Amino acid sequence: MILSAPLPDLLLEPLVRAALHEDLGQNGDITTRAVIPPAARYSATLNAREAGVISGMQIARIAFHLVDPNLKVEVLREDGSACGAGDTLMSIEGSAAAILSGERVALNFAGRLSGIASLTAGFVAETKGTKTRITCTRKTTPGLRMVEKQAVIHGGGSNHRFGLSDAILIKDNHIAAAGGIPQVLEAAKSSVSHMMKVEIEVDTLAQLEEILQVGGADVVLLDNMTTDELLQAVNMAKGRLVTEASGNMKLERIAEVAATGVDYISSGALTHSAKTLDLGLDF
């Protein structure tokens, strides 16, 4: 799956419908229904209260339109664009009740996804001047992987595999269960199409040396290695394996890891530890 372009609304609507159903329940927005006249019309703006990189505007628009297709929604800052504190990202005009009923779902998605995009952009900035690319992992919110991985793209990052079904990644537990590195690589190569790459995880240079001798892998995941070990691993694998550094990849360490020459740095923190960007809806 390629997420560099906007996803069709049709793919996103089920996620937004589920969130709206969770918020509105069986009785709808009883507060708004009690205090806001049905004919009341207002205009509102969705604003950034801190600087960052925007993601989730498409989903916010869908949320408002699912509540009321007659709302006039204009996206002023596209997904993937930078914003400053006080910038207006979207305008909404129409039924006051509909705007209020869709507000929280729209903000929850936009704030969460913009936080991921903003953190990713910070990681990417640390790789400037190197060939290293930042990529996410499968450590995503259940049910939201598609949009969280798209938020990583909006922040300038890359996507790793989407699930267990679209790429082979042999982890340490696979190696243990299969009986060793030669056995697991032979089994993997004999069971997949020539079109599919095989990645294998190592946490020692000795394991990497064994993989280079045995053959059968295309990518090596260098897990929880020191910076010196990563530098040695890159030199060992040069021209033979694509290298990916993972484990303990904190923002303050990214520049020195990228300087080792690894091809990719993967970090689960991009999606599981991103701080929500502070956004607000103002009438």
C-alpha atoms as a PDB file:
ATOM      1  CA  MET A   1       0.000   0.000   0.000  1.00  0.00           C
ATOM      2  CA  ILE A   2       1.268   3.481  -0.915  1.00  0.00           C
ATOM      3  CA  LEU A   3       0.127   6.361   1.305  1.00  0.00           C
ATOM      4  CA  SER A   4       1.988   9.273  -0.272  1.00  0.00           C
ATOM      5  CA  ALA A   5      -1.241  10.468  -1.918  1.00  0.00           C
ATOM      6  CA  PRO A   6      -4.523  11.195  -0.080  1.00  0.00           C
ATOM      7  CA  LEU A   7      -6.509   8.058   0.607  1.00  0.00           C
ATOM      8  CA  PRO A   8     -10.004   7.790  -0.892  1.00  0.00           C
ATOM      9  CA  ASP A   9     -12.643   9.097   1.519  1.00  0.00           C
ATOM     10  CA  LEU A  10     -14.385   5.740   1.145  1.00  0.00           C
ATOM     11  CA  LEU A  11     -11.525   3.987   2.973  1.00  0.00           C
ATOM     12  CA  LEU A  12     -11.525   6.470   5.839  1.00  0.00           C
ATOM     13  CA  GLU A  13     -15.262   6.808   6.413  1.00  0.00           C
ATOM     14  CA  PRO A  14     -15.650   3.549   8.411  1.00  0.00           C
ATOM     15  CA  LEU A  15     -12.996   4.738  10.911  1.00  0.00           C
ATOM     16  CA  VAL A  16     -14.722   8.081  11.321  1.00  0.00           C
ATOM     17  CA  ARG A  17     -18.209   6.555  11.549  1.00  0.00           C
ATOM     18  CA  ALA A  18     -17.023   4.266  14.345  1.00  0.00           C
ATOM     19  CA  ALA A  19     -15.564   7.224  16.241  1.00  0.00           C
ATOM     20  CA  LEU A  20     -18.744   9.259  15.800  1.00  0.00           C
ATOM     21  CA  HIS A  21     -20.849   6.345  16.988  1.00  0.00           C
ATOM     22  CA  GLU A  22     -18.611   5.989  20.038  1.00  0.00           C
ATOM     23  CA  ASP A  23     -19.082   9.687  20.870  1.00  0.00           C
ATOM     24  CA  LEU A  24     -22.735  10.185  19.965  1.00  0.00           C
ATOM     25  CA  GLY A  25     -23.999   6.819  21.217  1.00  0.00           C
ATOM     26  CA  GLN A  26     -27.670   5.999  20.819  1.00  0.00           C
ATOM     27  CA  ASN A  27     -29.039   9.376  21.884  1.00  0.00           C
ATOM     28  CA  GLY A  28     -26.810  11.794  20.014  1.00  0.00           C
ATOM     29  CA  ASP A  29     -25.464  15.049  21.403  1.00  0.00           C
ATOM     30  CA  ILE A  30     -28.035  15.660  24.149  1.00  0.00           C
ATOM     31  CA  THR A  31     -26.309  18.806  25.430  1.00  0.00           C
ATOM     32  CA  THR A  32     -26.364  20.512  22.044  1.00  0.00           C
ATOM     33  CA  ARG A  33     -29.914  19.365  21.381  1.00  0.00           C
ATOM     34  CA  ALA A  34     -31.007  20.843  24.723  1.00  0.00           C
ATOM     35  CA  VAL A  35     -29.389  24.270  24.433  1.00  0.00           C
ATOM     36  CA  ILE A  36     -28.834  25.080  20.745  1.00  0.00           C
ATOM     37  CA  PRO A  37     -31.800  26.000  18.526  1.00  0.00           C
ATOM     38  CA  PRO A  38     -32.017  23.666  15.507  1.00  0.00           C
ATOM     39  CA  ALA A  39     -31.945  26.612  13.099  1.00  0.00           C
ATOM     40  CA  ALA A  40     -28.865  28.261  14.624  1.00  0.00           C
ATOM     41  CA  ARG A  41     -26.017  28.735  12.163  1.00  0.00           C
ATOM     42  CA  TYR A  42     -22.424  29.638  12.966  1.00  0.00           C
ATOM     43  CA  SER A  43     -18.961  29.671  11.494  1.00  0.00           C
ATOM     44  CA  ALA A  44     -16.002  28.138  13.254  1.00  0.00           C
ATOM     45  CA  THR A  45     -12.280  27.709  12.664  1.00  0.00           C
ATOM     46  CA  LEU A  46      -9.961  24.854  13.556  1.00  0.00           C
ATOM     47  CA  ASN A  47      -6.750  26.442  14.805  1.00  0.00           C
ATOM     48  CA  ALA A  48      -3.272  25.304  15.796  1.00  0.00           C
ATOM     49  CA  ARG A  49      -2.268  26.289  19.299  1.00  0.00           C
ATOM     50  CA  GLU A  50       1.346  25.231  18.792  1.00  0.00           C
ATOM     51  CA  ALA A  51       3.727  24.759  15.882  1.00  0.00           C
ATOM     52  CA  GLY A  52       3.954  21.421  14.114  1.00  0.00           C
ATOM     53  CA  VAL A  53       3.232  19.456  10.959  1.00  0.00           C
ATOM     54  CA  ILE A  54      -0.382  18.873  10.025  1.00  0.00           C
ATOM     55  CA  SER A  55      -2.084  15.536   9.429  1.00  0.00           C
ATOM     56  CA  GLY A  56      -5.726  14.519   9.734  1.00  0.00           C
ATOM     57  CA  MET A  57      -7.376  17.405   7.907  1.00  0.00           C
ATOM     58  CA  GLN A  58      -8.953  14.984   5.446  1.00  0.00           C
ATOM     59  CA  ILE A  59     -10.396  12.954   8.313  1.00  0.00           C
ATOM     60  CA  ALA A  60     -11.626  16.052  10.154  1.00  0.00           C
ATOM     61  CA  ARG A  61     -13.452  17.152   7.001  1.00  0.00           C
ATOM     62  CA  ILE A  62     -15.048  13.709   6.684  1.00  0.00           C
ATOM     63  CA  ALA A  63     -16.167  13.852  10.330  1.00  0.00           C
ATOM     64  CA  PHE A  64     -17.996  17.136   9.882  1.00  0.00           C
ATOM     65  CA  HIS A  65     -19.583  16.023   6.597  1.00  0.00           C
ATOM     66  CA  LEU A  66     -20.776  12.724   8.082  1.00  0.00           C
ATOM     67  CA  VAL A  67     -22.567  14.655  10.812  1.00  0.00           C
ATOM     68  CA  ASP A  68     -24.046  17.096   8.275  1.00  0.00           C
ATOM     69  CA  PRO A  69     -23.294  16.907   4.533  1.00  0.00           C
ATOM     70  CA  ASN A  70     -24.503  20.500   4.185  1.00  0.00           C
ATOM     71  CA  LEU A  71     -21.703  21.967   6.284  1.00  0.00           C
ATOM     72  CA  LYS A  72     -19.325  24.113   4.285  1.00  0.00           C
ATOM     73  CA  VAL A  73     -15.830  22.880   5.168  1.00  0.00           C
ATOM     74  CA  GLU A  74     -12.709  24.471   3.724  1.00  0.00           C
ATOM     75  CA  VAL A  75      -9.269  23.007   4.417  1.00  0.00           C
ATOM     76  CA  LEU A  76      -6.787  25.886   4.625  1.00  0.00           C
ATOM     77  CA  ARG A  77      -3.645  23.892   5.479  1.00  0.00           C
ATOM     78  CA  GLU A  78      -3.216  20.595   3.665  1.00  0.00           C
ATOM     79  CA  ASP A  79      -1.944  17.450   5.350  1.00  0.00           C
ATOM     80  CA  GLY A  80       1.849  17.438   5.369  1.00  0.00           C
ATOM     81  CA  SER A  81       2.201  21.210   5.673  1.00  0.00           C
ATOM     82  CA  ALA A  82       3.863  23.032   8.557  1.00  0.00           C
ATOM     83  CA  CYS A  83       1.915  25.303  10.867  1.00  0.00           C
ATOM     84  CA  GLY A  84       2.666  27.846  13.540  1.00  0.00           C
ATOM     85  CA  ALA A  85       0.842  28.636  16.755  1.00  0.00           C
ATOM     86  CA  GLY A  86      -2.319  30.569  15.916  1.00  0.00           C
ATOM     87  CA  ASP A  87      -2.584  29.400  12.302  1.00  0.00           C
ATOM     88  CA  THR A  88      -6.066  28.575  11.022  1.00  0.00           C
ATOM     89  CA  LEU A  89      -6.164  25.117   9.469  1.00  0.00           C
ATOM     90  CA  MET A  90      -9.831  24.750   8.530  1.00  0.00           C
ATOM     91  CA  SER A  91     -13.047  26.746   8.429  1.00  0.00           C
ATOM     92  CA  ILE A  92     -16.504  25.266   9.004  1.00  0.00           C
ATOM     93  CA  GLU A  93     -19.793  27.024   8.378  1.00  0.00           C
ATOM     94  CA  GLY A  94     -23.393  25.888   8.793  1.00  0.00           C
ATOM     95  CA  SER A  95     -25.517  24.259  11.467  1.00  0.00           C
ATOM     96  CA  ALA A  96     -24.147  25.136  14.904  1.00  0.00           C
ATOM     97  CA  ALA A  97     -25.456  21.845  16.302  1.00  0.00           C
ATOM     98  CA  ALA A  98     -23.687  19.801  13.628  1.00  0.00           C
ATOM     99  CA  ILE A  99     -20.384  21.616  14.153  1.00  0.00           C
ATOM    100  CA  LEU A 100     -20.551  21.032  17.909  1.00  0.00           C
ATOM    101  CA  SER A 101     -21.469  17.371  17.482  1.00  0.00           C
ATOM    102  CA  GLY A 102     -18.543  16.668  15.149  1.00  0.00           C
ATOM    103  CA  GLU A 103     -15.987  18.828  16.945  1.00  0.00           C
ATOM    104  CA  ARG A 104     -14.389  16.292  19.302  1.00  0.00           C
ATOM    105  CA  VAL A 105     -14.009  13.471  16.794  1.00  0.00           C
ATOM    106  CA  ALA A 106     -12.465  15.847  14.261  1.00  0.00           C
ATOM    107  CA  LEU A 107     -10.049  17.252  16.846  1.00  0.00           C
ATOM    108  CA  ASN A 108      -9.133  13.832  18.259  1.00  0.00           C
ATOM    109  CA  PHE A 109      -8.097  12.546  14.857  1.00  0.00           C
ATOM    110  CA  ALA A 110      -6.377  15.748  13.720  1.00  0.00           C
ATOM    111  CA  GLY A 111      -4.491  16.289  16.982  1.00  0.00           C
ATOM    112  CA  ARG A 112      -3.336  12.679  17.241  1.00  0.00           C
ATOM    113  CA  LEU A 113      -2.217  12.413  13.605  1.00  0.00           C
ATOM    114  CA  SER A 114      -0.577  15.847  13.601  1.00  0.00           C
ATOM    115  CA  GLY A 115       1.386  14.794  16.668  1.00  0.00           C
ATOM    116  CA  ILE A 116       2.717  11.767  14.782  1.00  0.00           C
ATOM    117  CA  ALA A 117       3.570  13.879  11.734  1.00  0.00           C
ATOM    118  CA  SER A 118       5.317  16.472  13.901  1.00  0.00           C
ATOM    119  CA  LEU A 119       7.411  13.908  15.791  1.00  0.00           C
ATOM    120  CA  THR A 120       8.335  12.213  12.518  1.00  0.00           C
ATOM    121  CA  ALA A 121       9.439  15.550  11.068  1.00  0.00           C
ATOM    122  CA  GLY A 122      11.705  16.027  14.074  1.00  0.00           C
ATOM    123  CA  PHE A 123      13.328  12.637  13.476  1.00  0.00           C
ATOM    124  CA  VAL A 124      13.726  13.324   9.753  1.00  0.00           C
ATOM    125  CA  ALA A 125      15.405  16.671  10.463  1.00  0.00           C
ATOM    126  CA  GLU A 126      18.100  14.835  12.449  1.00  0.00           C
ATOM    127  CA  THR A 127      19.064  12.794   9.347  1.00  0.00           C
ATOM    128  CA  LYS A 128      19.827  15.848   7.196  1.00  0.00           C
ATOM    129  CA  GLY A 129      22.921  15.361   5.075  1.00  0.00           C
ATOM    130  CA  THR A 130      22.780  11.551   5.275  1.00  0.00           C
ATOM    131  CA  LYS A 131      21.123   8.857   3.157  1.00  0.00           C
ATOM    132  CA  THR A 132      19.218   7.450   6.138  1.00  0.00           C
ATOM    133  CA  ARG A 133      15.438   7.331   6.000  1.00  0.00           C
ATOM    134  CA  ILE A 134      13.122   7.294   9.008  1.00  0.00           C
ATOM    135  CA  THR A 135      10.465   4.597   9.087  1.00  0.00           C
ATOM    136  CA  CYS A 136       7.679   3.557  11.435  1.00  0.00           C
ATOM    137  CA  THR A 137       6.759   0.085  12.764  1.00  0.00           C
ATOM    138  CA  ARG A 138       3.642  -2.005  13.499  1.00  0.00           C
ATOM    139  CA  LYS A 139       3.387  -0.416  16.961  1.00  0.00           C
ATOM    140  CA  THR A 140       0.249   1.482  16.030  1.00  0.00           C
ATOM    141  CA  THR A 141      -3.142   2.047  17.641  1.00  0.00           C
ATOM    142  CA  PRO A 142      -5.365  -0.959  16.818  1.00  0.00           C
ATOM    143  CA  GLY A 143      -7.703  -0.031  13.971  1.00  0.00           C
ATOM    144  CA  LEU A 144      -5.833   3.154  13.103  1.00  0.00           C
ATOM    145  CA  ARG A 145      -2.701   1.780  11.448  1.00  0.00           C
ATOM    146  CA  MET A 146      -3.584   3.078   7.988  1.00  0.00           C
ATOM    147  CA  VAL A 147      -4.012   6.707   9.080  1.00  0.00           C
ATOM    148  CA  GLU A 148      -1.132   6.669  11.572  1.00  0.00           C
ATOM    149  CA  LYS A 149       1.224   5.361   8.916  1.00  0.00           C
ATOM    150  CA  GLN A 150      -0.035   8.033   6.545  1.00  0.00           C
ATOM    151  CA  ALA A 151       0.738  10.627   9.242  1.00  0.00           C
ATOM    152  CA  VAL A 152       4.337   9.347   9.229  1.00  0.00           C
ATOM    153  CA  ILE A 153       4.427  10.038   5.479  1.00  0.00           C
ATOM    154  CA  HIS A 154       3.035  13.533   6.110  1.00  0.00           C
ATOM    155  CA  GLY A 155       5.960  14.106   8.488  1.00  0.00           C
ATOM    156  CA  GLY A 156       8.489  13.146   5.821  1.00  0.00           C
ATOM    157  CA  GLY A 157       9.071   9.577   6.992  1.00  0.00           C
ATOM    158  CA  SER A 158       8.673   6.199   5.305  1.00  0.00           C
ATOM    159  CA  ASN A 159       6.504   3.177   6.016  1.00  0.00           C
ATOM    160  CA  HIS A 160       7.695  -0.235   7.132  1.00  0.00           C
ATOM    161  CA  ARG A 161       5.503  -3.278   6.521  1.00  0.00           C
ATOM    162  CA  PHE A 162       1.775  -2.792   7.151  1.00  0.00           C
ATOM    163  CA  GLY A 163       1.177  -6.151   8.775  1.00  0.00           C
ATOM    164  CA  LEU A 164       2.275  -9.734   9.116  1.00  0.00           C
ATOM    165  CA  SER A 165       0.880 -10.571   5.688  1.00  0.00           C
ATOM    166  CA  ASP A 166       2.796  -8.259   3.366  1.00  0.00           C
ATOM    167  CA  ALA A 167       6.486  -8.775   4.187  1.00  0.00           C
ATOM    168  CA  ILE A 168       8.825 -11.272   5.868  1.00  0.00           C
ATOM    169  CA  LEU A 169      10.611 -10.083   8.998  1.00  0.00           C
ATOM    170  CA  ILE A 170      12.351 -12.871  10.912  1.00  0.00           C
ATOM    171  CA  LYS A 171      12.704 -11.939  14.592  1.00  0.00           C
ATOM    172  CA  ASP A 172      14.765 -13.518  17.358  1.00  0.00           C
ATOM    173  CA  ASN A 173      11.867 -15.716  18.474  1.00  0.00           C
ATOM    174  CA  HIS A 174      11.465 -17.051  14.938  1.00  0.00           C
ATOM    175  CA  ILE A 175      15.168 -17.973  14.894  1.00  0.00           C
ATOM    176  CA  ALA A 176      14.887 -19.721  18.250  1.00  0.00           C
ATOM    177  CA  ALA A 177      11.757 -21.648  17.265  1.00  0.00           C
ATOM    178  CA  ALA A 178      13.149 -22.664  13.855  1.00  0.00           C
ATOM    179  CA  GLY A 179      16.451 -23.953  15.242  1.00  0.00           C
ATOM    180  CA  GLY A 180      18.903 -21.284  14.094  1.00  0.00           C
ATOM    181  CA  ILE A 181      19.794 -18.754  11.436  1.00  0.00           C
ATOM    182  CA  PRO A 182      20.606 -21.203   8.588  1.00  0.00           C
ATOM    183  CA  GLN A 183      17.370 -23.106   9.145  1.00  0.00           C
ATOM    184  CA  VAL A 184      15.129 -20.052   9.297  1.00  0.00           C
ATOM    185  CA  LEU A 185      16.651 -18.415   6.203  1.00  0.00           C
ATOM    186  CA  GLU A 186      16.456 -21.582   4.157  1.00  0.00           C
ATOM    187  CA  ALA A 187      12.824 -22.089   5.160  1.00  0.00           C
ATOM    188  CA  ALA A 188      11.919 -18.498   4.378  1.00  0.00           C
ATOM    189  CA  LYS A 189      13.507 -18.455   0.917  1.00  0.00           C
ATOM    190  CA  SER A 190      11.980 -21.795  -0.050  1.00  0.00           C
ATOM    191  CA  SER A 191       8.453 -20.705   0.859  1.00  0.00           C
ATOM    192  CA  VAL A 192       8.083 -17.269  -0.731  1.00  0.00           C
ATOM    193  CA  SER A 193       7.977 -15.754  -4.192  1.00  0.00           C
ATOM    194  CA  HIS A 194      11.152 -14.405  -5.743  1.00  0.00           C
ATOM    195  CA  MET A 195       9.386 -11.029  -5.633  1.00  0.00           C
ATOM    196  CA  MET A 196       9.386 -10.871  -1.822  1.00  0.00           C
ATOM    197  CA  LYS A 197      12.306  -9.555   0.230  1.00  0.00           C
ATOM    198  CA  VAL A 198      13.431 -11.242   3.431  1.00  0.00           C
ATOM    199  CA  GLU A 199      14.505  -9.215   6.474  1.00  0.00           C
ATOM    200  CA  ILE A 200      16.117 -10.776   9.520  1.00  0.00           C
ATOM    201  CA  GLU A 201      16.832  -9.330  12.960  1.00  0.00           C
ATOM    202  CA  VAL A 202      20.188  -9.593  14.711  1.00  0.00           C
ATOM    203  CA  ASP A 203      21.501  -8.168  17.954  1.00  0.00           C
ATOM    204  CA  THR A 204      25.155  -9.184  17.665  1.00  0.00           C
ATOM    205  CA  LEU A 205      27.844  -8.795  15.033  1.00  0.00           C
ATOM    206  CA  ALA A 206      28.455 -12.555  15.222  1.00  0.00           C
ATOM    207  CA  GLN A 207      24.885 -13.180  14.070  1.00  0.00           C
ATOM    208  CA  LEU A 208      25.382 -10.725  11.217  1.00  0.00           C
ATOM    209  CA  GLU A 209      28.542 -12.550  10.145  1.00  0.00           C
ATOM    210  CA  GLU A 210      26.626 -15.838  10.134  1.00  0.00           C
ATOM    211  CA  ILE A 211      23.906 -14.331   7.948  1.00  0.00           C
ATOM    212  CA  LEU A 212      26.478 -13.024   5.485  1.00  0.00           C
ATOM    213  CA  GLN A 213      28.020 -16.479   5.258  1.00  0.00           C
ATOM    214  CA  VAL A 214      24.711 -18.334   4.917  1.00  0.00           C
ATOM    215  CA  GLY A 215      23.024 -15.885   2.534  1.00  0.00           C
ATOM    216  CA  GLY A 216      19.297 -15.721   1.847  1.00  0.00           C
ATOM    217  CA  ALA A 217      18.510 -12.364   3.454  1.00  0.00           C
ATOM    218  CA  ASP A 218      17.974  -9.027   1.713  1.00  0.00           C
ATOM    219  CA  VAL A 219      17.674  -6.703   4.712  1.00  0.00           C
ATOM    220  CA  VAL A 220      19.140  -6.921   8.197  1.00  0.00           C
ATOM    221  CA  LEU A 221      17.532  -5.300  11.225  1.00  0.00           C
ATOM    222  CA  LEU A 222      20.255  -4.252  13.666  1.00  0.00           C
ATOM    223  CA  ASP A 223      18.483  -4.349  17.002  1.00  0.00           C
ATOM    224  CA  ASN A 224      19.565  -2.439  20.105  1.00  0.00           C
ATOM    225  CA  MET A 225      23.164  -2.018  18.989  1.00  0.00           C
ATOM    226  CA  THR A 226      25.537   0.658  20.181  1.00  0.00           C
ATOM    227  CA  THR A 227      26.590   3.310  17.719  1.00  0.00           C
ATOM    228  CA  ASP A 228      30.025   1.687  17.352  1.00  0.00           C
ATOM    229  CA  GLU A 229      28.416  -1.689  16.669  1.00  0.00           C
ATOM    230  CA  LEU A 230      26.150  -0.121  14.067  1.00  0.00           C
ATOM    231  CA  LEU A 231      29.155   1.396  12.310  1.00  0.00           C
ATOM    232  CA  GLN A 232      30.864  -1.994  12.200  1.00  0.00           C
ATOM    233  CA  ALA A 233      27.669  -3.664  10.992  1.00  0.00           C
ATOM    234  CA  VAL A 234      27.234  -1.183   8.158  1.00  0.00           C
ATOM    235  CA  ASN A 235      30.801  -1.813   7.013  1.00  0.00           C
ATOM    236  CA  MET A 236      30.278  -5.579   7.168  1.00  0.00           C
ATOM    237  CA  ALA A 237      26.998  -5.497   5.231  1.00  0.00           C
ATOM    238  CA  LYS A 238      28.008  -2.855   2.691  1.00  0.00           C
ATOM    239  CA  GLY A 239      26.828  -3.791  -0.786  1.00  0.00           C
ATOM    240  CA  ARG A 240      25.344  -7.068   0.426  1.00  0.00           C
ATOM    241  CA  LEU A 241      22.433  -6.189   2.709  1.00  0.00           C
ATOM    242  CA  VAL A 242      20.172  -3.205   3.278  1.00  0.00           C
ATOM    243  CA  THR A 243      20.647  -2.084   6.891  1.00  0.00           C
ATOM    244  CA  GLU A 244      17.995  -0.972   9.351  1.00  0.00           C
ATOM    245  CA  ALA A 245      18.762   0.246  12.874  1.00  0.00           C
ATOM    246  CA  SER A 246      16.072  -0.254  15.480  1.00  0.00           C
ATOM    247  CA  GLY A 247      15.666  -0.296  19.243  1.00  0.00           C
ATOM    248  CA  ASN A 248      16.302   2.638  21.580  1.00  0.00           C
ATOM    249  CA  MET A 249      15.985   5.063  18.668  1.00  0.00           C
ATOM    250  CA  LYS A 250      15.266   8.226  20.593  1.00  0.00           C
ATOM    251  CA  LEU A 251      15.217  11.659  18.965  1.00  0.00           C
ATOM    252  CA  GLU A 252      18.467  12.757  20.615  1.00  0.00           C
ATOM    253  CA  ARG A 253      20.294   9.736  19.182  1.00  0.00           C
ATOM    254  CA  ILE A 254      19.078   9.849  15.577  1.00  0.00           C
ATOM    255  CA  ALA A 255      21.829  12.111  14.184  1.00  0.00           C
ATOM    256  CA  GLU A 256      24.686   9.916  15.418  1.00  0.00           C
ATOM    257  CA  VAL A 257      22.964   6.733  14.229  1.00  0.00           C
ATOM    258  CA  ALA A 258      22.308   8.221  10.782  1.00  0.00           C
ATOM    259  CA  ALA A 259      25.991   9.172  10.594  1.00  0.00           C
ATOM    260  CA  THR A 260      26.918   5.463  10.702  1.00  0.00           C
ATOM    261  CA  GLY A 261      25.508   5.070   7.203  1.00  0.00           C
ATOM    262  CA  VAL A 262      22.514   2.823   7.969  1.00  0.00           C
ATOM    263  CA  ASP A 263      19.885   2.849   5.253  1.00  0.00           C
ATOM    264  CA  TYR A 264      16.898   3.055   7.612  1.00  0.00           C
ATOM    265  CA  ILE A 265      16.123   3.890  11.214  1.00  0.00           C
ATOM    266  CA  SER A 266      12.838   2.425  12.464  1.00  0.00           C
ATOM    267  CA  SER A 267      11.140   3.689  15.591  1.00  0.00           C
ATOM    268  CA  GLY A 268       7.926   2.553  17.234  1.00  0.00           C
ATOM    269  CA  ALA A 269       7.912   5.830  19.177  1.00  0.00           C
ATOM    270  CA  LEU A 270       6.708   7.679  16.079  1.00  0.00           C
ATOM    271  CA  THR A 271       3.263   6.149  16.509  1.00  0.00           C
ATOM    272  CA  HIS A 272       3.083   4.868  20.093  1.00  0.00           C
ATOM    273  CA  SER A 273       4.641   7.816  21.930  1.00  0.00           C
ATOM    274  CA  ALA A 274       3.836  10.915  19.867  1.00  0.00           C
ATOM    275  CA  LYS A 275       2.376  13.820  21.836  1.00  0.00           C
ATOM    276  CA  THR A 276      -0.942  15.044  20.477  1.00  0.00           C
ATOM    277  CA  LEU A 277      -0.565  18.411  18.756  1.00  0.00           C
ATOM    278  CA  ASP A 278      -2.677  21.036  20.519  1.00  0.00           C
ATOM    279  CA  LEU A 279      -5.489  22.043  18.184  1.00  0.00           C
ATOM    280  CA  GLY A 280      -8.747  23.809  18.996  1.00  0.00           C
ATOM    281  CA  LEU A 281     -12.088  24.718  17.438  1.00  0.00           C
ATOM    282  CA  ASP A 282     -13.203  28.303  17.942  1.00  0.00           C
ATOM    283  CA  PHE A 283     -16.638  29.782  17.170  1.00  0.00           C
END
